[in-house]
């Protein structure tokens, strides 16, 4: 049930960010992502979840940093532009960084299955990343000014970022008590 909730909340967060950015309300998505992250962190304290709040916070910060770097490079090269939410013309909008944070919440839950195969994670990133930006463009949240360069860059970056973030998600997990240990009171 937590996996399904995580997947659905991520989809809602993605749409809130893109629609808010497209409609001059760039704050809407980050507010939704904040609520989503609080729920996610709360759920990560429950027995049987493969992570904990500290590990997840580390992962979310790393995702935000990666997102700022990746998307700011797209902006500074002039390959894309965004209609709203930029603090400075050389940086990615804050709502797209919030999307990276929302994506990171899926790495130990609804997308944890990707950890089983690096090639699948690479392929997932190389295809899924650019498709997400294409969908964002269709919804008016991003303008792709140089499609060949932008989509090539996105395919390469997401092919690297997806397994990298999955690796970080695994590395940050700190072992906690199992469900059985929790129920029996053993540590």
N, C-alpha and C. Protein backbone atom coordinates (compact mmCIF):
# COMPACT_ATOMS: atom_id res chain seq x y z
N UNK A 1 0.82 -1.20 0.00
CA UNK A 1 0.00 0.00 0.00
C UNK A 1 0.87 1.27 0.00
N UNK A 2 1.98 1.25 0.75
CA UNK A 2 2.86 2.41 0.80
C UNK A 2 3.48 2.67 -0.56
N UNK A 3 3.80 1.62 -1.29
CA UNK A 3 4.40 1.76 -2.62
C UNK A 3 3.42 2.45 -3.57
N UNK A 4 2.18 2.02 -3.52
CA UNK A 4 1.15 2.62 -4.39
C UNK A 4 0.92 4.08 -4.00
N UNK A 5 0.83 4.35 -2.70
CA UNK A 5 0.64 5.73 -2.24
C UNK A 5 1.81 6.60 -2.67
N UNK A 6 3.03 6.08 -2.56
CA UNK A 6 4.21 6.83 -2.97
C UNK A 6 4.15 7.16 -4.46
N UNK A 7 3.81 6.18 -5.27
CA UNK A 7 3.71 6.38 -6.72
C UNK A 7 2.66 7.45 -7.05
N UNK A 8 1.49 7.33 -6.44
CA UNK A 8 0.41 8.28 -6.73
C UNK A 8 0.74 9.69 -6.24
N UNK A 9 1.32 9.79 -5.05
CA UNK A 9 1.70 11.11 -4.54
C UNK A 9 2.79 11.75 -5.39
N UNK A 10 3.73 10.93 -5.88
CA UNK A 10 4.76 11.48 -6.77
C UNK A 10 4.12 12.03 -8.05
N UNK A 11 3.19 11.30 -8.61
CA UNK A 11 2.52 11.77 -9.83
C UNK A 11 1.80 13.09 -9.57
N UNK A 12 1.11 13.17 -8.45
CA UNK A 12 0.42 14.42 -8.10
C UNK A 12 1.41 15.56 -7.90
N UNK A 13 2.53 15.27 -7.25
CA UNK A 13 3.56 16.30 -7.04
C UNK A 13 4.12 16.77 -8.37
N UNK A 14 4.38 15.84 -9.28
CA UNK A 14 4.91 16.19 -10.60
C UNK A 14 3.95 17.14 -11.31
N UNK A 15 2.67 16.76 -11.35
CA UNK A 15 1.68 17.60 -12.02
C UNK A 15 1.53 18.95 -11.33
N UNK A 16 1.54 18.98 -10.01
CA UNK A 16 1.42 20.24 -9.29
C UNK A 16 2.57 21.17 -9.63
N UNK A 17 3.79 20.61 -9.72
CA UNK A 17 4.95 21.44 -10.06
C UNK A 17 4.84 21.98 -11.49
N UNK A 18 4.55 21.13 -12.43
CA UNK A 18 4.50 21.55 -13.84
C UNK A 18 3.34 22.52 -14.09
N UNK A 19 2.17 22.17 -13.60
CA UNK A 19 1.00 23.03 -13.83
C UNK A 19 1.18 24.37 -13.12
N UNK A 20 1.70 24.34 -11.91
CA UNK A 20 1.97 25.60 -11.20
C UNK A 20 2.99 26.44 -11.94
N UNK A 21 4.09 25.82 -12.39
CA UNK A 21 5.10 26.55 -13.15
C UNK A 21 4.57 27.10 -14.45
N UNK A 22 3.71 26.36 -15.10
CA UNK A 22 3.15 26.79 -16.39
C UNK A 22 2.15 27.93 -16.24
N UNK A 23 1.56 28.05 -15.07
CA UNK A 23 0.48 29.02 -14.87
C UNK A 23 0.84 30.15 -13.91
N UNK A 24 2.14 30.49 -13.88
CA UNK A 24 2.61 31.61 -13.06
C UNK A 24 2.30 31.44 -11.57
N UNK A 25 2.22 30.19 -11.13
CA UNK A 25 2.03 29.88 -9.70
C UNK A 25 3.10 28.86 -9.30
N UNK A 26 4.38 29.23 -9.45
CA UNK A 26 5.44 28.25 -9.23
C UNK A 26 5.54 27.73 -7.81
N UNK A 27 4.91 28.36 -6.85
CA UNK A 27 4.96 27.96 -5.45
C UNK A 27 4.06 26.76 -5.16
N UNK A 28 3.05 26.52 -6.02
CA UNK A 28 2.09 25.45 -5.77
C UNK A 28 2.77 24.08 -5.68
N UNK A 29 3.61 23.77 -6.65
CA UNK A 29 4.28 22.47 -6.66
C UNK A 29 5.17 22.26 -5.45
N UNK A 30 6.06 23.20 -5.13
CA UNK A 30 6.91 23.01 -3.95
C UNK A 30 6.12 22.85 -2.65
N UNK A 31 4.98 23.54 -2.52
CA UNK A 31 4.16 23.36 -1.33
C UNK A 31 3.63 21.93 -1.29
N UNK A 32 3.15 21.43 -2.43
CA UNK A 32 2.66 20.06 -2.49
C UNK A 32 3.80 19.08 -2.20
N UNK A 33 4.98 19.34 -2.77
CA UNK A 33 6.14 18.46 -2.53
C UNK A 33 6.50 18.47 -1.05
N UNK A 34 6.44 19.62 -0.40
CA UNK A 34 6.74 19.69 1.03
C UNK A 34 5.79 18.79 1.83
N UNK A 35 4.51 18.87 1.53
CA UNK A 35 3.53 18.01 2.21
C UNK A 35 3.84 16.54 1.91
N UNK A 36 4.13 16.24 0.66
CA UNK A 36 4.48 14.88 0.25
C UNK A 36 5.71 14.39 1.01
N UNK A 37 6.72 15.21 1.13
CA UNK A 37 7.96 14.83 1.81
C UNK A 37 7.69 14.58 3.30
N UNK A 38 6.87 15.40 3.92
CA UNK A 38 6.53 15.19 5.33
C UNK A 38 5.82 13.84 5.50
N UNK A 39 4.87 13.55 4.63
CA UNK A 39 4.19 12.24 4.68
C UNK A 39 5.19 11.12 4.46
N UNK A 40 6.05 11.29 3.47
CA UNK A 40 7.06 10.27 3.16
C UNK A 40 7.98 10.03 4.35
N UNK A 41 8.46 11.09 4.97
CA UNK A 41 9.35 10.95 6.12
C UNK A 41 8.63 10.30 7.30
N UNK A 42 7.39 10.65 7.49
CA UNK A 42 6.60 10.03 8.55
C UNK A 42 6.45 8.53 8.29
N UNK A 43 6.14 8.17 7.05
CA UNK A 43 6.00 6.75 6.71
C UNK A 43 7.32 6.00 6.84
N UNK A 44 8.43 6.69 6.63
CA UNK A 44 9.73 6.01 6.71
C UNK A 44 10.09 5.61 8.13
N UNK A 45 9.33 6.09 9.11
CA UNK A 45 9.58 5.69 10.50
C UNK A 45 8.86 4.41 10.87
N UNK A 46 8.00 3.93 10.00
CA UNK A 46 7.20 2.75 10.31
C UNK A 46 8.00 1.46 10.10
N UNK A 47 7.78 0.48 10.95
CA UNK A 47 8.47 -0.80 10.80
C UNK A 47 8.20 -1.43 9.43
N UNK A 48 9.19 -2.08 8.90
CA UNK A 48 9.05 -2.75 7.62
C UNK A 48 9.44 -1.89 6.43
N UNK A 49 9.61 -0.59 6.64
CA UNK A 49 10.07 0.27 5.57
C UNK A 49 11.59 0.18 5.56
N UNK A 50 12.17 0.14 4.38
CA UNK A 50 13.61 -0.13 4.24
C UNK A 50 14.50 1.09 4.46
N UNK A 51 14.01 2.08 5.15
CA UNK A 51 14.80 3.29 5.32
C UNK A 51 14.40 3.99 6.62
N UNK A 52 14.87 5.18 6.83
CA UNK A 52 14.49 5.98 7.98
C UNK A 52 14.57 7.45 7.59
N UNK A 53 14.04 8.34 8.41
CA UNK A 53 13.98 9.76 8.04
C UNK A 53 15.35 10.40 7.80
N UNK A 54 16.35 10.05 8.58
CA UNK A 54 17.67 10.65 8.39
C UNK A 54 18.25 10.25 7.04
N UNK A 55 18.16 8.97 6.72
CA UNK A 55 18.65 8.48 5.42
C UNK A 55 17.90 9.15 4.28
N UNK A 56 16.60 9.28 4.42
CA UNK A 56 15.80 9.91 3.37
C UNK A 56 16.14 11.38 3.22
N UNK A 57 16.36 12.08 4.33
CA UNK A 57 16.72 13.50 4.24
C UNK A 57 18.04 13.69 3.50
N UNK A 58 19.01 12.83 3.77
CA UNK A 58 20.28 12.90 3.05
C UNK A 58 20.05 12.73 1.55
N UNK A 59 19.23 11.77 1.20
CA UNK A 59 18.93 11.50 -0.21
C UNK A 59 18.20 12.69 -0.85
N UNK A 60 17.25 13.28 -0.14
CA UNK A 60 16.50 14.40 -0.69
C UNK A 60 17.39 15.62 -0.93
N UNK A 61 18.33 15.86 -0.03
CA UNK A 61 19.27 16.97 -0.21
C UNK A 61 20.17 16.71 -1.41
N UNK A 62 20.67 15.49 -1.53
CA UNK A 62 21.51 15.15 -2.70
C UNK A 62 20.73 15.33 -4.00
N UNK A 63 19.48 14.90 -4.02
CA UNK A 63 18.65 15.05 -5.22
C UNK A 63 18.45 16.52 -5.56
N UNK A 64 18.24 17.35 -4.55
CA UNK A 64 18.06 18.79 -4.79
C UNK A 64 19.32 19.38 -5.41
N UNK A 65 20.47 19.01 -4.89
CA UNK A 65 21.75 19.53 -5.43
C UNK A 65 21.93 19.06 -6.87
N UNK A 66 21.69 17.78 -7.12
CA UNK A 66 21.82 17.26 -8.49
C UNK A 66 20.85 17.99 -9.41
N UNK A 67 19.63 18.19 -8.95
CA UNK A 67 18.61 18.88 -9.75
C UNK A 67 19.00 20.31 -10.09
N UNK A 68 19.52 21.04 -9.11
CA UNK A 68 19.96 22.42 -9.37
C UNK A 68 21.05 22.42 -10.43
N UNK A 69 22.02 21.52 -10.30
CA UNK A 69 23.14 21.48 -11.25
C UNK A 69 22.67 21.09 -12.65
N UNK A 70 21.90 20.02 -12.74
CA UNK A 70 21.45 19.50 -14.05
C UNK A 70 20.58 20.51 -14.77
N UNK A 71 19.57 21.02 -14.09
CA UNK A 71 18.63 21.91 -14.76
C UNK A 71 19.16 23.32 -14.94
N UNK A 72 20.05 23.75 -14.06
CA UNK A 72 20.66 25.07 -14.26
C UNK A 72 21.57 25.07 -15.49
N UNK A 73 22.23 23.95 -15.74
CA UNK A 73 23.06 23.86 -16.95
C UNK A 73 22.19 23.95 -18.20
N UNK A 74 21.02 23.35 -18.16
CA UNK A 74 20.09 23.48 -19.29
C UNK A 74 19.71 24.94 -19.53
N UNK A 75 19.51 25.67 -18.45
CA UNK A 75 19.12 27.08 -18.56
C UNK A 75 20.29 27.92 -19.06
N UNK A 76 21.48 27.73 -18.46
CA UNK A 76 22.63 28.58 -18.83
C UNK A 76 23.08 28.33 -20.26
N UNK A 77 22.87 27.13 -20.79
CA UNK A 77 23.22 26.87 -22.19
C UNK A 77 22.20 27.47 -23.15
N UNK A 78 21.03 27.82 -22.63
CA UNK A 78 19.98 28.37 -23.49
C UNK A 78 19.19 27.30 -24.21
N UNK A 79 19.35 26.05 -23.78
CA UNK A 79 18.62 24.96 -24.44
C UNK A 79 17.17 24.89 -24.00
N UNK A 80 16.88 25.40 -22.80
CA UNK A 80 15.50 25.42 -22.31
C UNK A 80 15.24 26.76 -21.61
N UNK A 81 13.97 27.05 -21.43
CA UNK A 81 13.59 28.18 -20.59
C UNK A 81 12.31 27.79 -19.86
N UNK A 82 12.08 28.48 -18.77
CA UNK A 82 10.93 28.20 -17.92
C UNK A 82 10.09 29.46 -17.78
N UNK A 83 8.77 29.33 -17.74
CA UNK A 83 7.92 30.52 -17.66
C UNK A 83 7.89 31.19 -16.29
N UNK A 84 8.25 30.46 -15.23
CA UNK A 84 8.18 31.07 -13.90
C UNK A 84 9.00 30.28 -12.88
N UNK A 85 9.28 30.93 -11.76
CA UNK A 85 9.88 30.26 -10.63
C UNK A 85 11.39 30.33 -10.52
N UNK A 86 12.03 31.17 -11.33
CA UNK A 86 13.48 31.29 -11.25
C UNK A 86 13.87 32.45 -10.34
N UNK A 87 14.79 32.17 -9.40
CA UNK A 87 15.32 33.24 -8.56
C UNK A 87 16.31 34.10 -9.34
N UNK A 88 16.96 33.48 -10.31
CA UNK A 88 17.95 34.15 -11.15
C UNK A 88 17.89 33.51 -12.53
N UNK A 89 18.18 34.27 -13.56
CA UNK A 89 18.06 33.77 -14.92
C UNK A 89 19.03 32.64 -15.26
N UNK A 90 20.07 32.42 -14.46
CA UNK A 90 21.03 31.35 -14.73
C UNK A 90 20.74 30.06 -13.97
N UNK A 91 19.70 30.08 -13.15
CA UNK A 91 19.39 28.92 -12.33
C UNK A 91 18.05 28.30 -12.69
N UNK A 92 17.97 27.02 -12.45
CA UNK A 92 16.70 26.31 -12.65
C UNK A 92 15.65 26.86 -11.69
N UNK A 93 14.39 26.80 -12.09
CA UNK A 93 13.35 27.27 -11.17
C UNK A 93 13.23 26.35 -9.95
N UNK A 94 12.80 26.93 -8.86
CA UNK A 94 12.71 26.16 -7.63
C UNK A 94 11.69 25.04 -7.72
N UNK A 95 10.68 25.18 -8.56
CA UNK A 95 9.68 24.12 -8.66
C UNK A 95 10.25 22.88 -9.35
N UNK A 96 11.20 23.05 -10.25
CA UNK A 96 11.78 21.86 -10.88
C UNK A 96 12.75 21.17 -9.92
N UNK A 97 13.40 21.94 -9.06
CA UNK A 97 14.25 21.33 -8.02
C UNK A 97 13.36 20.54 -7.06
N UNK A 98 12.19 21.06 -6.77
CA UNK A 98 11.24 20.34 -5.92
C UNK A 98 10.84 19.01 -6.57
N UNK A 99 10.76 18.99 -7.90
CA UNK A 99 10.44 17.74 -8.59
C UNK A 99 11.54 16.70 -8.40
N UNK A 100 12.79 17.14 -8.40
CA UNK A 100 13.91 16.22 -8.15
C UNK A 100 13.79 15.64 -6.74
N UNK A 101 13.41 16.47 -5.79
CA UNK A 101 13.23 16.00 -4.42
C UNK A 101 12.09 14.97 -4.37
N UNK A 102 10.99 15.27 -5.04
CA UNK A 102 9.86 14.33 -5.09
C UNK A 102 10.29 13.02 -5.73
N UNK A 103 11.07 13.10 -6.80
CA UNK A 103 11.56 11.89 -7.45
C UNK A 103 12.39 11.05 -6.48
N UNK A 104 13.20 11.70 -5.66
CA UNK A 104 14.04 10.97 -4.71
C UNK A 104 13.22 10.18 -3.71
N UNK A 105 12.00 10.63 -3.41
CA UNK A 105 11.17 9.88 -2.47
C UNK A 105 10.74 8.53 -3.02
N UNK A 106 10.85 8.35 -4.32
CA UNK A 106 10.43 7.08 -4.93
C UNK A 106 11.54 6.02 -4.93
N UNK A 107 12.76 6.43 -4.68
CA UNK A 107 13.91 5.53 -4.88
C UNK A 107 13.98 4.36 -3.90
N UNK A 108 13.45 4.53 -2.71
CA UNK A 108 13.40 3.44 -1.74
C UNK A 108 12.01 2.86 -1.60
N UNK A 109 11.08 3.31 -2.44
CA UNK A 109 9.70 2.83 -2.35
C UNK A 109 9.22 2.35 -3.72
N UNK A 110 8.51 3.19 -4.45
CA UNK A 110 7.89 2.72 -5.69
C UNK A 110 8.88 2.42 -6.81
N UNK A 111 10.08 2.99 -6.77
CA UNK A 111 11.09 2.66 -7.79
C UNK A 111 12.24 1.81 -7.24
N UNK A 112 12.08 1.26 -6.06
CA UNK A 112 13.13 0.44 -5.45
C UNK A 112 13.47 -0.78 -6.32
N UNK A 113 12.54 -1.24 -7.12
CA UNK A 113 12.78 -2.38 -8.00
C UNK A 113 13.92 -2.11 -8.99
N UNK A 114 14.19 -0.84 -9.28
CA UNK A 114 15.28 -0.49 -10.20
C UNK A 114 16.65 -0.81 -9.63
N UNK A 115 16.76 -0.96 -8.31
CA UNK A 115 18.04 -1.26 -7.67
C UNK A 115 18.58 -2.63 -8.07
N UNK A 116 17.72 -3.50 -8.58
CA UNK A 116 18.12 -4.86 -8.93
C UNK A 116 18.95 -4.94 -10.20
N UNK A 117 18.90 -3.90 -11.04
CA UNK A 117 19.60 -3.95 -12.33
C UNK A 117 20.07 -2.56 -12.76
N UNK A 118 21.36 -2.37 -12.75
CA UNK A 118 21.91 -1.08 -13.19
C UNK A 118 21.56 -0.80 -14.65
N UNK A 119 21.69 -1.79 -15.57
CA UNK A 119 21.32 -1.50 -16.96
C UNK A 119 19.85 -1.05 -17.11
N UNK A 120 18.96 -1.66 -16.34
CA UNK A 120 17.56 -1.26 -16.40
C UNK A 120 17.40 0.16 -15.86
N UNK A 121 18.11 0.49 -14.78
CA UNK A 121 18.06 1.83 -14.21
C UNK A 121 18.58 2.86 -15.21
N UNK A 122 19.66 2.53 -15.90
CA UNK A 122 20.23 3.42 -16.92
C UNK A 122 19.21 3.65 -18.03
N UNK A 123 18.63 2.57 -18.52
CA UNK A 123 17.63 2.67 -19.60
C UNK A 123 16.40 3.45 -19.13
N UNK A 124 15.95 3.16 -17.92
CA UNK A 124 14.80 3.87 -17.35
C UNK A 124 15.07 5.37 -17.32
N UNK A 125 16.25 5.76 -16.85
CA UNK A 125 16.61 7.17 -16.79
C UNK A 125 16.76 7.79 -18.17
N UNK A 126 17.43 7.08 -19.07
CA UNK A 126 17.68 7.62 -20.42
C UNK A 126 16.40 7.85 -21.20
N UNK A 127 15.39 7.06 -20.93
CA UNK A 127 14.11 7.21 -21.63
C UNK A 127 13.14 8.06 -20.81
N UNK A 128 13.02 7.74 -19.53
CA UNK A 128 12.04 8.41 -18.67
C UNK A 128 12.33 9.87 -18.43
N UNK A 129 13.61 10.21 -18.24
CA UNK A 129 13.96 11.61 -17.99
C UNK A 129 13.51 12.52 -19.12
N UNK A 130 13.98 12.27 -20.35
CA UNK A 130 13.54 13.13 -21.46
C UNK A 130 12.03 13.12 -21.68
N UNK A 131 11.39 11.97 -21.47
CA UNK A 131 9.94 11.92 -21.65
C UNK A 131 9.22 12.80 -20.63
N UNK A 132 9.74 12.87 -19.41
CA UNK A 132 9.14 13.75 -18.40
C UNK A 132 9.25 15.21 -18.82
N UNK A 133 10.38 15.59 -19.40
CA UNK A 133 10.55 16.97 -19.86
C UNK A 133 9.65 17.24 -21.07
N UNK A 134 9.49 16.26 -21.95
CA UNK A 134 8.59 16.40 -23.09
C UNK A 134 7.15 16.62 -22.59
N UNK A 135 6.74 15.82 -21.61
CA UNK A 135 5.40 15.99 -21.04
C UNK A 135 5.27 17.37 -20.38
N UNK A 136 6.31 17.80 -19.68
CA UNK A 136 6.31 19.13 -19.07
C UNK A 136 6.18 20.22 -20.11
N UNK A 137 6.81 20.02 -21.27
CA UNK A 137 6.71 20.99 -22.35
C UNK A 137 5.27 21.03 -22.90
N UNK A 138 4.68 19.86 -23.07
CA UNK A 138 3.31 19.79 -23.59
C UNK A 138 2.32 20.48 -22.65
N UNK A 139 2.64 20.49 -21.35
CA UNK A 139 1.78 21.14 -20.37
C UNK A 139 2.12 22.61 -20.15
N UNK A 140 3.15 23.10 -20.83
CA UNK A 140 3.51 24.51 -20.75
C UNK A 140 4.47 24.89 -19.63
N UNK A 141 5.06 23.91 -18.95
CA UNK A 141 5.95 24.20 -17.84
C UNK A 141 7.39 24.47 -18.25
N UNK A 142 7.74 24.10 -19.46
CA UNK A 142 9.10 24.27 -19.95
C UNK A 142 9.06 24.51 -21.45
N UNK A 143 9.99 25.30 -21.93
CA UNK A 143 10.14 25.50 -23.37
C UNK A 143 11.48 24.92 -23.78
N UNK A 144 11.44 23.95 -24.66
CA UNK A 144 12.66 23.32 -25.16
C UNK A 144 13.07 24.12 -26.40
N UNK A 145 14.16 24.88 -26.28
CA UNK A 145 14.58 25.79 -27.34
C UNK A 145 15.50 25.12 -28.36
N UNK A 146 16.24 24.14 -27.93
CA UNK A 146 17.13 23.37 -28.81
C UNK A 146 16.91 21.89 -28.53
N UNK A 147 15.88 21.31 -29.17
CA UNK A 147 15.45 19.95 -28.82
C UNK A 147 16.54 18.88 -28.93
N UNK A 148 17.31 18.85 -29.99
CA UNK A 148 18.32 17.80 -30.16
C UNK A 148 19.34 17.86 -29.02
N UNK A 149 19.85 19.06 -28.76
CA UNK A 149 20.85 19.22 -27.69
C UNK A 149 20.23 18.94 -26.31
N UNK A 150 19.06 19.50 -26.07
CA UNK A 150 18.43 19.35 -24.75
C UNK A 150 18.08 17.90 -24.47
N UNK A 151 17.45 17.22 -25.42
CA UNK A 151 17.04 15.83 -25.17
C UNK A 151 18.23 14.88 -25.12
N UNK A 152 19.26 15.16 -25.89
CA UNK A 152 20.49 14.34 -25.81
C UNK A 152 21.13 14.49 -24.44
N UNK A 153 21.22 15.74 -23.99
CA UNK A 153 21.77 16.02 -22.66
C UNK A 153 20.94 15.34 -21.59
N UNK A 154 19.61 15.47 -21.68
CA UNK A 154 18.73 14.88 -20.67
C UNK A 154 18.84 13.36 -20.65
N UNK A 155 18.92 12.75 -21.82
CA UNK A 155 19.05 11.29 -21.86
C UNK A 155 20.35 10.86 -21.17
N UNK A 156 21.44 11.55 -21.47
CA UNK A 156 22.73 11.21 -20.86
C UNK A 156 22.71 11.46 -19.36
N UNK A 157 22.23 12.62 -18.96
CA UNK A 157 22.23 12.97 -17.54
C UNK A 157 21.34 12.02 -16.73
N UNK A 158 20.15 11.75 -17.22
CA UNK A 158 19.25 10.86 -16.48
C UNK A 158 19.74 9.41 -16.51
N UNK A 159 20.44 9.02 -17.56
CA UNK A 159 21.03 7.68 -17.60
C UNK A 159 22.10 7.52 -16.51
N UNK A 160 22.73 8.62 -16.16
CA UNK A 160 23.74 8.62 -15.09
C UNK A 160 23.09 8.89 -13.73
N UNK A 161 22.19 9.88 -13.68
CA UNK A 161 21.60 10.31 -12.40
C UNK A 161 20.73 9.24 -11.76
N UNK A 162 19.99 8.48 -12.57
CA UNK A 162 19.08 7.49 -11.99
C UNK A 162 19.85 6.41 -11.21
N UNK A 163 20.83 5.73 -11.83
CA UNK A 163 21.56 4.73 -11.02
C UNK A 163 22.39 5.37 -9.90
N UNK A 164 22.88 6.60 -10.13
CA UNK A 164 23.63 7.28 -9.08
C UNK A 164 22.75 7.53 -7.86
N UNK A 165 21.55 8.05 -8.09
CA UNK A 165 20.66 8.33 -6.97
C UNK A 165 20.16 7.04 -6.32
N UNK A 166 19.96 5.98 -7.11
CA UNK A 166 19.60 4.69 -6.53
C UNK A 166 20.72 4.17 -5.64
N UNK A 167 21.96 4.37 -6.08
CA UNK A 167 23.12 3.98 -5.28
C UNK A 167 23.17 4.77 -3.98
N UNK A 168 22.92 6.07 -4.05
CA UNK A 168 22.88 6.89 -2.85
C UNK A 168 21.75 6.44 -1.92
N UNK A 169 20.61 6.12 -2.50
CA UNK A 169 19.48 5.65 -1.70
C UNK A 169 19.85 4.39 -0.92
N UNK A 170 20.57 3.49 -1.57
CA UNK A 170 21.00 2.26 -0.92
C UNK A 170 22.07 2.56 0.13
N UNK A 171 23.01 3.41 -0.21
CA UNK A 171 24.11 3.73 0.70
C UNK A 171 23.61 4.41 1.97
N UNK A 172 22.62 5.28 1.85
CA UNK A 172 22.15 6.04 3.01
C UNK A 172 21.28 5.23 3.96
N UNK A 173 20.77 4.10 3.48
CA UNK A 173 19.90 3.30 4.34
C UNK A 173 20.71 2.81 5.53
N UNK A 174 20.21 3.12 6.70
CA UNK A 174 20.83 2.65 7.92
C UNK A 174 19.99 1.51 8.46
N UNK A 175 20.61 0.38 8.77
CA UNK A 175 19.81 -0.75 9.21
C UNK A 175 19.02 -0.44 10.47
N UNK A 176 17.80 -0.79 10.44
CA UNK A 176 16.94 -0.63 11.61
C UNK A 176 16.31 -1.96 11.96
N UNK A 177 15.49 -2.01 12.98
CA UNK A 177 14.87 -3.28 13.36
C UNK A 177 13.91 -3.76 12.28
N UNK A 178 13.83 -5.07 12.12
CA UNK A 178 12.89 -5.63 11.16
C UNK A 178 11.51 -5.63 11.77
N UNK A 179 10.51 -5.92 10.95
CA UNK A 179 9.12 -5.98 11.43
C UNK A 179 9.00 -7.02 12.54
N UNK A 180 9.60 -8.19 12.34
CA UNK A 180 9.53 -9.26 13.33
C UNK A 180 10.16 -8.83 14.65
N UNK A 181 11.33 -8.19 14.58
CA UNK A 181 11.98 -7.73 15.81
C UNK A 181 11.14 -6.69 16.52
N UNK A 182 10.53 -5.83 15.77
CA UNK A 182 9.70 -4.79 16.37
C UNK A 182 8.49 -5.39 17.06
N UNK A 183 7.84 -6.36 16.39
CA UNK A 183 6.65 -6.97 16.97
C UNK A 183 6.95 -7.80 18.20
N UNK A 184 8.12 -8.42 18.24
CA UNK A 184 8.47 -9.26 19.38
C UNK A 184 9.18 -8.49 20.48
N UNK A 185 9.50 -7.22 20.22
CA UNK A 185 10.17 -6.40 21.20
C UNK A 185 11.67 -6.63 21.27
N UNK A 186 12.22 -7.40 20.34
CA UNK A 186 13.66 -7.66 20.32
C UNK A 186 14.36 -6.61 19.50
N UNK A 187 15.63 -6.37 19.81
CA UNK A 187 16.41 -5.43 19.00
C UNK A 187 17.58 -6.11 18.40
